[in-house]
Protein backbone atom coordinates (compact mmCIF):
# COMPACT_ATOMS: atom_id res chain seq x y z
CA MET A 1 -13.98 22.85 -17.59
CA ILE A 2 -16.25 19.81 -18.88
CA GLY A 3 -19.38 21.45 -17.47
CA MET A 4 -18.54 24.86 -18.89
CA TRP A 5 -17.97 23.35 -22.29
CA LYS A 6 -21.27 21.45 -21.96
CA ALA A 7 -23.02 24.76 -21.07
CA PHE A 8 -21.85 26.38 -24.19
CA ASP A 9 -23.26 23.51 -26.23
CA GLU A 10 -26.70 23.91 -24.48
CA MET A 11 -26.71 27.60 -24.92
CA GLU A 12 -26.14 27.19 -28.55
CA LYS A 13 -28.85 24.60 -28.92
CA LEU A 14 -31.16 27.23 -27.22
CA GLY A 15 -30.25 29.74 -29.66
CA TRP A 16 -28.60 32.08 -27.01
CA ILE A 17 -25.12 32.02 -28.58
CA GLY A 18 -23.46 31.01 -31.82
CA PRO A 19 -20.98 28.23 -32.51
CA LYS A 20 -17.96 30.10 -31.67
CA ARG A 21 -16.28 28.88 -28.52
CA PRO A 22 -13.53 30.32 -26.22
CA ARG A 23 -10.04 28.86 -25.91
CA MET A 24 -10.18 26.86 -22.76
CA VAL A 25 -7.28 26.69 -20.40
CA THR A 26 -6.68 24.26 -17.47
CA VAL A 27 -4.42 25.24 -14.61
CA GLN A 28 -2.83 22.81 -12.31
CA ALA A 29 -0.32 22.99 -9.51
CA ASP A 30 3.28 22.07 -10.55
CA GLY A 31 3.31 19.39 -7.82
CA CYS A 32 0.31 17.71 -9.43
CA ALA A 33 -0.10 18.36 -13.01
CA PRO A 34 -1.15 15.33 -14.92
CA ILE A 35 -3.30 17.07 -17.39
CA VAL A 36 -0.71 19.52 -18.14
CA LYS A 37 1.87 16.73 -18.65
CA ALA A 38 -0.50 14.76 -21.01
CA PHE A 39 -1.29 17.89 -22.88
CA GLN A 40 2.22 18.83 -23.52
CA GLU A 41 3.08 15.10 -24.62
CA ASN A 42 -0.02 15.20 -26.96
CA ARG A 43 -1.51 12.21 -25.21
CA PRO A 44 -5.15 11.18 -25.17
CA LYS A 45 -5.28 10.63 -21.51
CA ALA A 46 -3.28 11.44 -18.40
CA ASP A 47 -1.27 8.86 -16.18
CA ALA A 48 -1.84 9.14 -12.62
CA TRP A 49 0.53 11.61 -10.90
CA SER A 50 2.88 10.03 -8.44
CA GLY A 51 3.62 11.83 -5.32
CA ALA A 52 0.99 14.58 -5.75
CA TYR A 53 1.58 17.63 -3.64
CA THR A 54 0.25 21.22 -3.45
CA GLN A 55 -1.06 23.44 -0.68
CA ALA A 56 -4.08 23.98 -2.77
CA ALA A 57 -6.28 20.93 -1.90
CA GLY A 58 -8.65 21.42 -4.78
CA LEU A 59 -5.88 21.13 -7.24
CA ARG A 60 -4.42 17.87 -5.73
CA VAL A 61 -6.16 15.56 -8.23
CA PRO A 62 -3.62 12.85 -9.24
CA LYS A 63 -6.06 11.04 -11.64
CA ALA A 64 -9.02 12.95 -13.06
CA ILE A 65 -11.89 10.82 -14.02
CA GLY A 66 -12.65 12.85 -17.19
CA ASP A 67 -9.01 13.36 -18.19
CA PHE A 68 -9.65 12.29 -21.82
CA ILE A 69 -12.54 14.70 -22.17
CA MET A 70 -10.49 17.67 -20.72
CA LEU A 71 -7.71 17.07 -23.15
CA ASP A 72 -10.09 16.86 -26.02
CA ILE A 73 -11.66 20.11 -25.09
CA LEU A 74 -8.21 21.82 -24.77
CA ARG A 75 -7.48 20.67 -28.19
CA ARG A 76 -10.66 21.33 -29.89
CA SER A 77 -10.86 24.95 -28.34
CA HIS A 78 -7.16 25.57 -29.23
CA GLY A 79 -6.57 26.01 -25.60
CA THR A 80 -3.70 25.01 -23.41
CA ALA A 81 -2.64 23.69 -19.98
CA VAL A 82 -0.56 25.56 -17.48
CA ALA A 83 1.15 24.46 -14.17
CA VAL A 84 2.01 27.13 -11.64
CA SER A 85 3.74 26.85 -8.29
CA ASP A 86 2.35 27.01 -4.86
CA ALA A 87 4.60 30.26 -4.25
CA GLU A 88 2.97 31.80 -7.28
CA MET A 89 -0.53 30.89 -6.23
CA LEU A 90 -0.07 32.12 -2.71
CA ALA A 91 1.51 35.48 -3.83
CA ASP A 92 -1.48 35.86 -6.14
CA VAL A 93 -3.80 35.31 -3.26
CA GLN A 94 -2.30 38.32 -1.53
CA GLN A 95 -1.84 40.43 -4.74
CA THR A 96 -5.50 39.93 -5.84
CA GLY A 97 -6.65 40.74 -2.33
CA LYS A 98 -4.77 44.00 -2.23
CA ALA A 99 -5.62 45.02 -5.84
CA GLU A 100 -9.23 43.79 -6.19
CA GLY A 101 -10.48 43.15 -2.45
CA LEU A 102 -11.11 39.43 -3.31
CA LEU A 103 -9.92 36.72 -0.92
CA MET A 104 -9.43 34.11 -3.56
CA ALA A 105 -8.68 30.52 -2.54
CA PRO A 106 -5.26 29.43 -4.05
CA GLU A 107 -7.07 27.38 -6.58
CA GLY A 108 -8.67 30.43 -8.06
CA ALA A 109 -5.47 32.40 -7.65
CA ALA A 110 -3.73 29.89 -9.67
CA THR A 111 -5.74 31.20 -12.69
CA VAL A 112 -4.20 34.56 -12.13
CA SER A 113 -0.74 33.15 -11.99
CA ALA A 114 -1.51 31.21 -15.23
CA LEU A 115 -2.78 34.32 -16.85
CA ARG A 116 0.50 36.17 -16.20
CA LYS A 117 2.37 33.28 -17.90
CA LEU A 118 0.12 33.22 -20.91
CA CYS A 119 0.50 37.07 -21.23
CA ARG A 120 4.21 36.73 -20.97
CA SER A 121 4.32 33.99 -23.69
CA GLY A 122 2.02 35.73 -26.00
CA PHE A 123 -0.77 33.15 -25.88
CA VAL A 124 -3.06 35.82 -24.44
CA GLU A 125 -2.84 39.27 -26.21
CA PRO A 126 -3.36 42.42 -24.12
CA ASP A 127 -6.68 43.34 -25.85
CA GLU A 128 -8.30 39.89 -25.31
CA GLU A 129 -11.22 39.35 -23.07
CA VAL A 130 -10.44 36.75 -20.39
CA VAL A 131 -12.75 35.09 -17.68
CA LEU A 132 -11.08 33.63 -14.59
CA PHE A 133 -13.04 31.28 -12.53
CA ASN A 134 -12.57 31.38 -8.70
CA THR A 135 -14.22 28.64 -7.12
CA GLY A 136 -13.67 29.43 -3.39
CA THR A 137 -12.54 31.54 -0.76
CA ALA A 138 -9.22 31.59 1.22
CA PHE A 139 -10.86 31.38 4.45
CA LYS A 140 -9.85 27.77 4.81
CA TYR A 141 -6.21 28.51 4.04
CA LEU A 142 -5.63 31.38 6.48
CA HIS A 143 -2.96 29.33 8.16
CA LEU A 144 -0.81 29.88 5.15
CA PHE A 145 -0.63 33.57 5.43
CA PRO A 146 1.27 35.31 8.20
């Protein structure tokens, strides 16, 4: 998220885009969600998450180095932070594979799970454009699928 936000600033300086920014959303596993917790508590930084657990290894980050930067970006962009369960992620790996032919890693599928929640809550409207970032493939997670 920090790199994406920085890229928007750089593209604006180059004259490629204007000052408008998208709402940023961070997604974490509910078994390791320090940024979500800090965002919900309106804290400037996140405490380390004790007993971190998720099957999505890339989301098992009990203490992010740039937590205060991420929280600032979420607030400045009028974004939010969402936690999803491992069951939701793994179901969306399979659903996205069937519907789109993509073998997303659970980390990427977590964005699909979060989008469902954000649509249900009204945070994301049906006509909005949304970009989901998938950062890997599920090949290293094949043991999780029968």
